[in-house]
N, C-alpha and C. Protein backbone atom coordinates (compact mmCIF):
# COMPACT_ATOMS: atom_id res chain seq x y z
N UNK A 1 -115.13 -22.66 -2.58
CA UNK A 1 -113.69 -22.54 -2.74
C UNK A 1 -113.25 -22.99 -4.13
N UNK A 2 -113.91 -24.04 -4.62
CA UNK A 2 -113.56 -24.55 -5.95
C UNK A 2 -113.85 -23.51 -7.03
N UNK A 3 -114.97 -22.78 -6.88
CA UNK A 3 -115.32 -21.75 -7.86
C UNK A 3 -114.29 -20.62 -7.85
N UNK A 4 -113.77 -20.28 -6.68
CA UNK A 4 -112.77 -19.22 -6.58
C UNK A 4 -111.49 -19.65 -7.31
N UNK A 5 -111.06 -20.90 -7.11
CA UNK A 5 -109.85 -21.39 -7.78
C UNK A 5 -110.03 -21.40 -9.29
N UNK A 6 -111.19 -21.81 -9.75
CA UNK A 6 -111.47 -21.81 -11.19
C UNK A 6 -111.47 -20.39 -11.72
N UNK A 7 -112.02 -19.47 -10.96
CA UNK A 7 -112.05 -18.06 -11.35
C UNK A 7 -110.65 -17.48 -11.49
N UNK A 8 -109.79 -17.77 -10.51
CA UNK A 8 -108.41 -17.30 -10.58
C UNK A 8 -107.68 -17.91 -11.77
N UNK A 9 -107.91 -19.18 -12.02
CA UNK A 9 -107.26 -19.83 -13.16
C UNK A 9 -107.71 -19.17 -14.46
N UNK A 10 -108.99 -18.87 -14.58
CA UNK A 10 -109.52 -18.22 -15.77
C UNK A 10 -108.92 -16.83 -15.94
N UNK A 11 -108.83 -16.07 -14.85
CA UNK A 11 -108.22 -14.74 -14.92
C UNK A 11 -106.76 -14.82 -15.35
N UNK A 12 -106.03 -15.81 -14.83
CA UNK A 12 -104.63 -16.00 -15.21
C UNK A 12 -104.51 -16.28 -16.70
N UNK A 13 -105.35 -17.15 -17.21
CA UNK A 13 -105.32 -17.48 -18.64
C UNK A 13 -105.68 -16.28 -19.50
N UNK A 14 -106.65 -15.51 -19.08
CA UNK A 14 -107.04 -14.31 -19.81
C UNK A 14 -105.92 -13.27 -19.80
N UNK A 15 -105.23 -13.13 -18.66
CA UNK A 15 -104.12 -12.18 -18.58
C UNK A 15 -103.00 -12.59 -19.51
N UNK A 16 -102.70 -13.89 -19.58
CA UNK A 16 -101.68 -14.37 -20.50
C UNK A 16 -102.09 -14.11 -21.94
N UNK A 17 -103.33 -14.38 -22.27
CA UNK A 17 -103.81 -14.21 -23.64
C UNK A 17 -103.77 -12.75 -24.06
N UNK A 18 -103.95 -11.83 -23.10
CA UNK A 18 -103.94 -10.40 -23.46
C UNK A 18 -102.56 -9.95 -23.91
N UNK A 19 -101.51 -10.66 -23.49
CA UNK A 19 -100.15 -10.31 -23.92
C UNK A 19 -99.77 -10.99 -25.23
N UNK A 20 -100.49 -12.03 -25.60
CA UNK A 20 -100.15 -12.77 -26.82
C UNK A 20 -100.25 -11.85 -28.02
N UNK A 21 -99.22 -11.87 -28.83
CA UNK A 21 -99.21 -11.06 -30.04
C UNK A 21 -98.74 -9.64 -29.84
N UNK A 22 -98.44 -9.25 -28.59
CA UNK A 22 -97.98 -7.89 -28.32
C UNK A 22 -96.55 -7.73 -28.83
N UNK A 23 -96.31 -6.71 -29.62
CA UNK A 23 -94.97 -6.39 -30.08
C UNK A 23 -94.34 -5.46 -29.05
N UNK A 24 -93.13 -5.80 -28.61
CA UNK A 24 -92.47 -5.08 -27.53
C UNK A 24 -91.84 -3.77 -28.00
N UNK A 25 -91.76 -2.83 -27.08
CA UNK A 25 -91.05 -1.57 -27.34
C UNK A 25 -89.56 -1.81 -27.18
N UNK A 26 -88.77 -0.85 -27.59
CA UNK A 26 -87.32 -0.97 -27.44
C UNK A 26 -86.91 -1.13 -25.98
N UNK A 27 -87.55 -0.37 -25.08
CA UNK A 27 -87.23 -0.50 -23.65
C UNK A 27 -87.61 -1.87 -23.13
N UNK A 28 -88.74 -2.40 -23.57
CA UNK A 28 -89.15 -3.74 -23.14
C UNK A 28 -88.19 -4.81 -23.66
N UNK A 29 -87.73 -4.66 -24.89
CA UNK A 29 -86.77 -5.61 -25.46
C UNK A 29 -85.48 -5.58 -24.66
N UNK A 30 -84.97 -4.38 -24.39
CA UNK A 30 -83.73 -4.24 -23.63
C UNK A 30 -83.87 -4.91 -22.26
N UNK A 31 -84.97 -4.66 -21.57
CA UNK A 31 -85.19 -5.27 -20.25
C UNK A 31 -85.28 -6.80 -20.35
N UNK A 32 -85.82 -7.28 -21.45
CA UNK A 32 -85.98 -8.72 -21.65
C UNK A 32 -84.66 -9.42 -21.90
N UNK A 33 -83.75 -8.81 -22.67
CA UNK A 33 -82.55 -9.53 -23.12
C UNK A 33 -81.24 -9.15 -22.42
N UNK A 34 -81.12 -7.94 -21.88
CA UNK A 34 -79.83 -7.50 -21.32
C UNK A 34 -79.40 -8.39 -20.16
N UNK A 35 -78.17 -8.90 -20.26
CA UNK A 35 -77.59 -9.80 -19.26
C UNK A 35 -78.37 -11.11 -19.12
N UNK A 36 -78.90 -11.58 -20.23
CA UNK A 36 -79.68 -12.83 -20.24
C UNK A 36 -79.14 -13.78 -21.31
N UNK A 37 -79.34 -15.07 -21.07
CA UNK A 37 -79.08 -16.11 -22.06
C UNK A 37 -80.42 -16.58 -22.60
N UNK A 38 -80.51 -16.62 -23.92
CA UNK A 38 -81.77 -16.97 -24.58
C UNK A 38 -81.55 -18.23 -25.41
N UNK A 39 -82.47 -19.18 -25.28
CA UNK A 39 -82.48 -20.35 -26.16
C UNK A 39 -83.25 -19.96 -27.41
N UNK A 40 -82.57 -20.03 -28.55
CA UNK A 40 -83.13 -19.62 -29.84
C UNK A 40 -83.45 -20.88 -30.64
N UNK A 41 -84.65 -20.95 -31.17
CA UNK A 41 -85.07 -22.12 -31.95
C UNK A 41 -85.42 -21.67 -33.37
N UNK A 42 -84.82 -22.38 -34.34
CA UNK A 42 -85.08 -22.14 -35.76
C UNK A 42 -85.60 -23.45 -36.33
N UNK A 43 -86.84 -23.46 -36.74
CA UNK A 43 -87.42 -24.70 -37.26
C UNK A 43 -87.61 -25.72 -36.15
N UNK A 44 -87.62 -26.99 -36.53
CA UNK A 44 -87.90 -28.03 -35.55
C UNK A 44 -86.65 -28.66 -34.95
N UNK A 45 -85.48 -28.43 -35.55
CA UNK A 45 -84.31 -29.15 -35.05
C UNK A 45 -83.08 -28.29 -34.80
N UNK A 46 -83.10 -27.03 -35.15
CA UNK A 46 -81.92 -26.18 -35.00
C UNK A 46 -82.13 -25.22 -33.83
N UNK A 47 -81.29 -25.34 -32.80
CA UNK A 47 -81.37 -24.40 -31.68
C UNK A 47 -80.00 -24.13 -31.11
N UNK A 48 -79.88 -22.98 -30.44
CA UNK A 48 -78.63 -22.59 -29.81
C UNK A 48 -78.97 -21.66 -28.66
N UNK A 49 -77.97 -21.38 -27.83
CA UNK A 49 -78.12 -20.41 -26.75
C UNK A 49 -77.25 -19.20 -27.06
N UNK A 50 -77.78 -18.03 -26.76
CA UNK A 50 -77.06 -16.79 -27.02
C UNK A 50 -77.18 -15.88 -25.81
N UNK A 51 -76.03 -15.34 -25.40
CA UNK A 51 -75.98 -14.41 -24.28
C UNK A 51 -75.87 -12.99 -24.80
N UNK A 52 -76.72 -12.10 -24.26
CA UNK A 52 -76.73 -10.69 -24.65
C UNK A 52 -76.29 -9.85 -23.44
N UNK A 53 -75.04 -9.42 -23.44
CA UNK A 53 -74.51 -8.59 -22.34
C UNK A 53 -75.08 -7.18 -22.42
N UNK A 54 -75.15 -6.52 -21.28
CA UNK A 54 -75.69 -5.15 -21.23
C UNK A 54 -74.86 -4.17 -22.04
N UNK A 55 -73.57 -4.47 -22.26
CA UNK A 55 -72.71 -3.55 -23.00
C UNK A 55 -72.85 -3.68 -24.52
N UNK A 56 -73.76 -4.56 -25.00
CA UNK A 56 -73.98 -4.70 -26.43
C UNK A 56 -73.21 -5.84 -27.06
N UNK A 57 -72.35 -6.50 -26.29
CA UNK A 57 -71.66 -7.67 -26.84
C UNK A 57 -72.57 -8.89 -26.70
N UNK A 58 -72.30 -9.89 -27.53
CA UNK A 58 -73.13 -11.09 -27.53
C UNK A 58 -72.28 -12.29 -27.89
N UNK A 59 -72.60 -13.44 -27.29
CA UNK A 59 -71.88 -14.68 -27.57
C UNK A 59 -72.88 -15.81 -27.75
N UNK A 60 -72.59 -16.66 -28.75
CA UNK A 60 -73.38 -17.89 -28.92
C UNK A 60 -72.63 -19.04 -28.26
N UNK A 61 -73.34 -20.09 -27.94
CA UNK A 61 -72.72 -21.24 -27.30
C UNK A 61 -71.75 -21.98 -28.23
N UNK A 62 -71.73 -21.62 -29.52
CA UNK A 62 -70.76 -22.20 -30.45
C UNK A 62 -69.47 -21.37 -30.54
N UNK A 63 -69.38 -20.31 -29.73
CA UNK A 63 -68.20 -19.45 -29.71
C UNK A 63 -68.28 -18.23 -30.60
N UNK A 64 -69.33 -18.10 -31.40
CA UNK A 64 -69.47 -16.95 -32.29
C UNK A 64 -69.78 -15.69 -31.47
N UNK A 65 -69.08 -14.61 -31.78
CA UNK A 65 -69.29 -13.32 -31.10
C UNK A 65 -69.97 -12.35 -32.04
N UNK A 66 -70.77 -11.46 -31.48
CA UNK A 66 -71.45 -10.44 -32.27
C UNK A 66 -71.78 -9.27 -31.36
N UNK A 67 -72.53 -8.33 -31.90
CA UNK A 67 -73.04 -7.22 -31.10
C UNK A 67 -74.55 -7.14 -31.28
N UNK A 68 -75.20 -6.53 -30.31
CA UNK A 68 -76.64 -6.33 -30.39
C UNK A 68 -76.95 -4.90 -29.93
N UNK A 69 -78.09 -4.40 -30.39
CA UNK A 69 -78.53 -3.06 -30.02
C UNK A 69 -80.02 -2.94 -30.34
N UNK A 70 -80.62 -1.87 -29.86
CA UNK A 70 -82.03 -1.57 -30.14
C UNK A 70 -82.07 -0.41 -31.11
N UNK A 71 -82.87 -0.54 -32.17
CA UNK A 71 -83.04 0.54 -33.14
C UNK A 71 -84.51 0.58 -33.56
N UNK A 72 -85.17 1.70 -33.33
CA UNK A 72 -86.58 1.89 -33.73
C UNK A 72 -87.46 0.75 -33.22
N UNK A 73 -87.36 0.44 -31.93
CA UNK A 73 -88.15 -0.61 -31.28
C UNK A 73 -87.92 -1.99 -31.90
N UNK A 74 -86.73 -2.21 -32.42
CA UNK A 74 -86.36 -3.52 -32.97
C UNK A 74 -85.07 -4.00 -32.33
N UNK A 75 -84.98 -5.31 -32.17
CA UNK A 75 -83.77 -5.96 -31.66
C UNK A 75 -82.85 -6.22 -32.84
N UNK A 76 -81.64 -5.69 -32.79
CA UNK A 76 -80.67 -5.88 -33.86
C UNK A 76 -79.53 -6.74 -33.34
N UNK A 77 -79.11 -7.69 -34.17
CA UNK A 77 -78.06 -8.63 -33.80
C UNK A 77 -77.21 -8.88 -35.04
N UNK A 78 -75.92 -8.52 -34.96
CA UNK A 78 -75.06 -8.63 -36.14
C UNK A 78 -74.80 -10.07 -36.55
N UNK A 79 -75.14 -11.05 -35.71
CA UNK A 79 -74.95 -12.46 -36.07
C UNK A 79 -76.18 -13.05 -36.77
N UNK A 80 -77.27 -12.32 -36.78
CA UNK A 80 -78.52 -12.85 -37.34
C UNK A 80 -78.63 -12.56 -38.84
N UNK A 81 -79.24 -13.49 -39.57
CA UNK A 81 -79.51 -13.24 -41.00
C UNK A 81 -80.40 -12.02 -41.16
N UNK A 82 -81.36 -11.90 -40.26
CA UNK A 82 -82.26 -10.75 -40.24
C UNK A 82 -81.69 -9.78 -39.20
N UNK A 83 -80.96 -8.76 -39.65
CA UNK A 83 -80.22 -7.88 -38.75
C UNK A 83 -81.10 -7.31 -37.64
N UNK A 84 -82.20 -6.66 -37.99
CA UNK A 84 -83.08 -6.03 -37.00
C UNK A 84 -84.49 -6.60 -37.14
N UNK A 85 -85.14 -6.86 -36.00
CA UNK A 85 -86.47 -7.46 -36.04
C UNK A 85 -87.28 -7.03 -34.83
N UNK A 86 -88.58 -6.90 -35.04
CA UNK A 86 -89.51 -6.67 -33.93
C UNK A 86 -89.58 -7.95 -33.11
N UNK A 87 -89.88 -7.80 -31.82
CA UNK A 87 -90.01 -8.94 -30.91
C UNK A 87 -91.46 -9.00 -30.44
N UNK A 88 -92.07 -10.16 -30.62
CA UNK A 88 -93.47 -10.37 -30.24
C UNK A 88 -93.56 -11.31 -29.05
N UNK A 89 -94.34 -10.91 -28.05
CA UNK A 89 -94.64 -11.77 -26.90
C UNK A 89 -95.70 -12.77 -27.35
N UNK A 90 -95.36 -14.06 -27.30
CA UNK A 90 -96.31 -15.09 -27.75
C UNK A 90 -97.34 -15.45 -26.69
N UNK A 91 -97.19 -14.90 -25.47
CA UNK A 91 -98.17 -15.12 -24.42
C UNK A 91 -98.01 -16.43 -23.67
N UNK A 92 -96.99 -17.22 -24.02
CA UNK A 92 -96.77 -18.51 -23.36
C UNK A 92 -95.37 -18.61 -22.76
N UNK A 93 -94.72 -17.46 -22.59
CA UNK A 93 -93.35 -17.45 -22.08
C UNK A 93 -92.30 -17.44 -23.18
N UNK A 94 -92.74 -17.56 -24.42
CA UNK A 94 -91.81 -17.51 -25.54
C UNK A 94 -92.02 -16.21 -26.32
N UNK A 95 -91.04 -15.90 -27.15
CA UNK A 95 -91.07 -14.67 -27.95
C UNK A 95 -90.65 -14.99 -29.37
N UNK A 96 -91.21 -14.26 -30.33
CA UNK A 96 -90.85 -14.45 -31.73
C UNK A 96 -90.07 -13.24 -32.22
N UNK A 97 -89.01 -13.51 -32.93
CA UNK A 97 -88.25 -12.47 -33.64
C UNK A 97 -88.87 -12.44 -35.03
N UNK A 98 -89.53 -11.34 -35.38
CA UNK A 98 -90.39 -11.30 -36.55
C UNK A 98 -89.70 -10.84 -37.83
N UNK A 99 -90.03 -11.52 -38.91
CA UNK A 99 -89.63 -11.07 -40.25
C UNK A 99 -90.46 -9.83 -40.60
N UNK A 100 -90.07 -9.06 -41.61
CA UNK A 100 -90.84 -7.88 -42.00
C UNK A 100 -92.31 -8.18 -42.33
N UNK A 101 -92.61 -9.40 -42.79
CA UNK A 101 -94.01 -9.75 -43.11
C UNK A 101 -94.81 -10.20 -41.89
N UNK A 102 -94.17 -10.23 -40.70
CA UNK A 102 -94.86 -10.60 -39.46
C UNK A 102 -94.73 -12.06 -39.08
N UNK A 103 -94.15 -12.88 -39.96
CA UNK A 103 -93.92 -14.29 -39.63
C UNK A 103 -92.72 -14.40 -38.69
N UNK A 104 -92.71 -15.42 -37.83
CA UNK A 104 -91.54 -15.59 -36.96
C UNK A 104 -90.31 -16.05 -37.74
N UNK A 105 -89.18 -15.40 -37.49
CA UNK A 105 -87.90 -15.84 -38.07
C UNK A 105 -87.31 -16.92 -37.16
N UNK A 106 -87.31 -16.66 -35.86
CA UNK A 106 -86.89 -17.61 -34.84
C UNK A 106 -87.78 -17.41 -33.62
N UNK A 107 -87.76 -18.39 -32.72
CA UNK A 107 -88.51 -18.29 -31.46
C UNK A 107 -87.53 -18.36 -30.30
N UNK A 108 -87.71 -17.46 -29.36
CA UNK A 108 -86.94 -17.49 -28.12
C UNK A 108 -87.78 -18.28 -27.12
N UNK A 109 -87.32 -19.47 -26.74
CA UNK A 109 -88.14 -20.35 -25.92
C UNK A 109 -87.81 -20.31 -24.44
N UNK A 110 -86.60 -19.91 -24.09
CA UNK A 110 -86.19 -19.88 -22.68
C UNK A 110 -85.25 -18.70 -22.48
N UNK A 111 -85.49 -17.93 -21.43
CA UNK A 111 -84.67 -16.78 -21.11
C UNK A 111 -84.26 -16.89 -19.65
N UNK A 112 -82.95 -16.89 -19.40
CA UNK A 112 -82.45 -17.01 -18.03
C UNK A 112 -81.46 -15.90 -17.73
N UNK A 113 -81.36 -15.52 -16.47
CA UNK A 113 -80.42 -14.49 -16.05
C UNK A 113 -78.99 -14.95 -16.21
N UNK A 114 -78.13 -14.03 -16.62
CA UNK A 114 -76.70 -14.29 -16.72
C UNK A 114 -76.31 -15.12 -17.92
N UNK A 115 -75.03 -15.42 -17.98
CA UNK A 115 -74.50 -16.25 -19.07
C UNK A 115 -74.60 -17.70 -18.64
N UNK A 116 -75.37 -18.48 -19.37
CA UNK A 116 -75.70 -19.86 -18.98
C UNK A 116 -75.17 -20.87 -19.99
N UNK A 117 -73.86 -20.79 -20.27
CA UNK A 117 -73.20 -21.84 -21.07
C UNK A 117 -71.71 -21.66 -20.95
């Protein structure tokens, strides 16, 4: 029984690792963010929550309003310094909004249903 549990744990870890580094399609991004609140982390000390409504409107927990949309498999947000960016699945439940050189601009660390602020 112990070997079976270890085997399942190993398969789970391998399945997670297979998603690590995967860049999402536009449809996958839309399914990930529409009607969700995302905790966005920039660096080690700057974070905020942002809600992405299905109608393309968006609100930050500081009261800032913007719009979002999908263009060429990229997430676009008019409030972001980097208007449009690819989204990468980090394989650990977090996602990176990528700069054109492939480095993360910000990390999405928590995604919850609905507006959560």
